[in-house]
Amino acid sequence: MDKYIKGKAGYIVMQDGSYAYESECRRADFDDSLIYKEFGLPENKRTIPSEQIMRKESLEVLKEWEKNDCKVEY
């Protein structure tokens, strides 16, 4: 599944360049809309429990990414 990316325009992108809109994915019973909605809520309002782990390590990786001159904007 790591070859799939949710793009800015609301579609699922595969690394080979093909894609499907979120609405098409829902019709195929591939519906992640609840997960997207949950991420937009404060933790105490979410219905899916979550736990943030490795915060320090993830921030280090993010800082390295910010310095990367070869980023591909999506």
Protein backbone atom coordinates (compact mmCIF):
# COMPACT_ATOMS: atom_id res chain seq x y z
CA MET A 1 0.00 0.00 0.00
CA ASP A 2 2.97 2.35 0.26
CA LYS A 3 2.64 3.04 -3.47
CA TYR A 4 -0.61 4.97 -2.90
CA ILE A 5 -0.66 8.68 -2.03
CA LYS A 6 -3.68 10.90 -1.36
CA GLY A 7 -3.23 13.93 -3.61
CA LYS A 8 -4.21 17.55 -2.92
CA ALA A 9 -7.17 17.36 -5.30
CA GLY A 10 -8.81 14.52 -3.36
CA TYR A 11 -7.72 11.52 -5.35
CA ILE A 12 -5.62 8.44 -4.71
CA VAL A 13 -2.38 8.43 -6.69
CA MET A 14 -0.32 5.35 -7.45
CA GLN A 15 3.40 5.70 -8.04
CA ASP A 16 2.94 4.55 -11.63
CA GLY A 17 0.75 7.59 -12.28
CA SER A 18 -2.73 6.07 -12.44
CA TYR A 19 -5.36 7.33 -10.02
CA ALA A 20 -8.93 7.09 -8.81
CA TYR A 21 -11.05 9.78 -7.21
CA GLU A 22 -12.06 9.26 -3.58
CA SER A 23 -15.71 8.93 -4.64
CA GLU A 24 -14.74 6.09 -7.01
CA CYS A 25 -12.80 4.39 -4.23
CA ARG A 26 -15.83 4.60 -1.93
CA ARG A 27 -18.00 2.90 -4.58
CA ALA A 28 -15.43 0.08 -4.64
CA ASP A 29 -15.70 -0.27 -0.83
CA PHE A 30 -12.32 1.39 -0.36
CA ASP A 31 -13.62 4.17 1.87
CA ASP A 32 -11.16 5.97 4.12
CA SER A 33 -13.33 9.08 4.55
CA LEU A 34 -13.88 8.38 8.27
CA ILE A 35 -10.12 8.26 8.81
CA TYR A 36 -9.62 11.58 6.97
CA LYS A 37 -12.44 13.11 9.04
CA GLU A 38 -10.98 11.77 12.30
CA PHE A 39 -7.57 13.36 11.64
CA GLY A 40 -9.29 16.75 11.43
CA LEU A 41 -10.80 16.42 14.91
CA PRO A 42 -9.18 17.08 18.30
CA GLU A 43 -8.00 13.81 19.88
CA ASN A 44 -10.69 13.92 22.58
CA LYS A 45 -13.45 14.09 19.91
CA ARG A 46 -12.24 11.15 17.77
CA THR A 47 -14.14 7.86 17.64
CA ILE A 48 -11.03 5.91 16.55
CA PRO A 49 -8.45 5.73 19.35
CA SER A 50 -4.96 6.84 18.40
CA GLU A 51 -1.62 7.23 20.07
CA GLN A 52 1.21 9.41 18.82
CA ILE A 53 4.53 7.59 19.02
CA MET A 54 8.13 8.43 18.12
CA ARG A 55 7.42 12.20 18.11
CA LYS A 56 11.07 13.20 18.49
CA GLU A 57 12.20 10.86 15.71
CA SER A 58 9.46 11.97 13.34
CA LEU A 59 10.35 15.63 13.84
CA GLU A 60 13.98 14.86 13.01
CA VAL A 61 12.92 13.20 9.76
CA LEU A 62 10.64 16.13 8.93
CA LYS A 63 13.48 18.62 9.49
CA GLU A 64 15.66 16.63 7.08
CA TRP A 65 12.85 16.61 4.53
CA GLU A 66 12.46 20.39 4.80
CA LYS A 67 16.15 20.77 3.88
CA ASN A 68 15.81 18.48 0.84
CA ASP A 69 16.38 20.38 -2.42
CA CYS A 70 15.08 17.51 -4.58
CA LYS A 71 11.47 17.43 -3.34
CA VAL A 72 8.75 16.67 -5.85
CA GLU A 73 5.68 18.81 -5.11
CA TYR A 74 2.37 16.97 -5.16
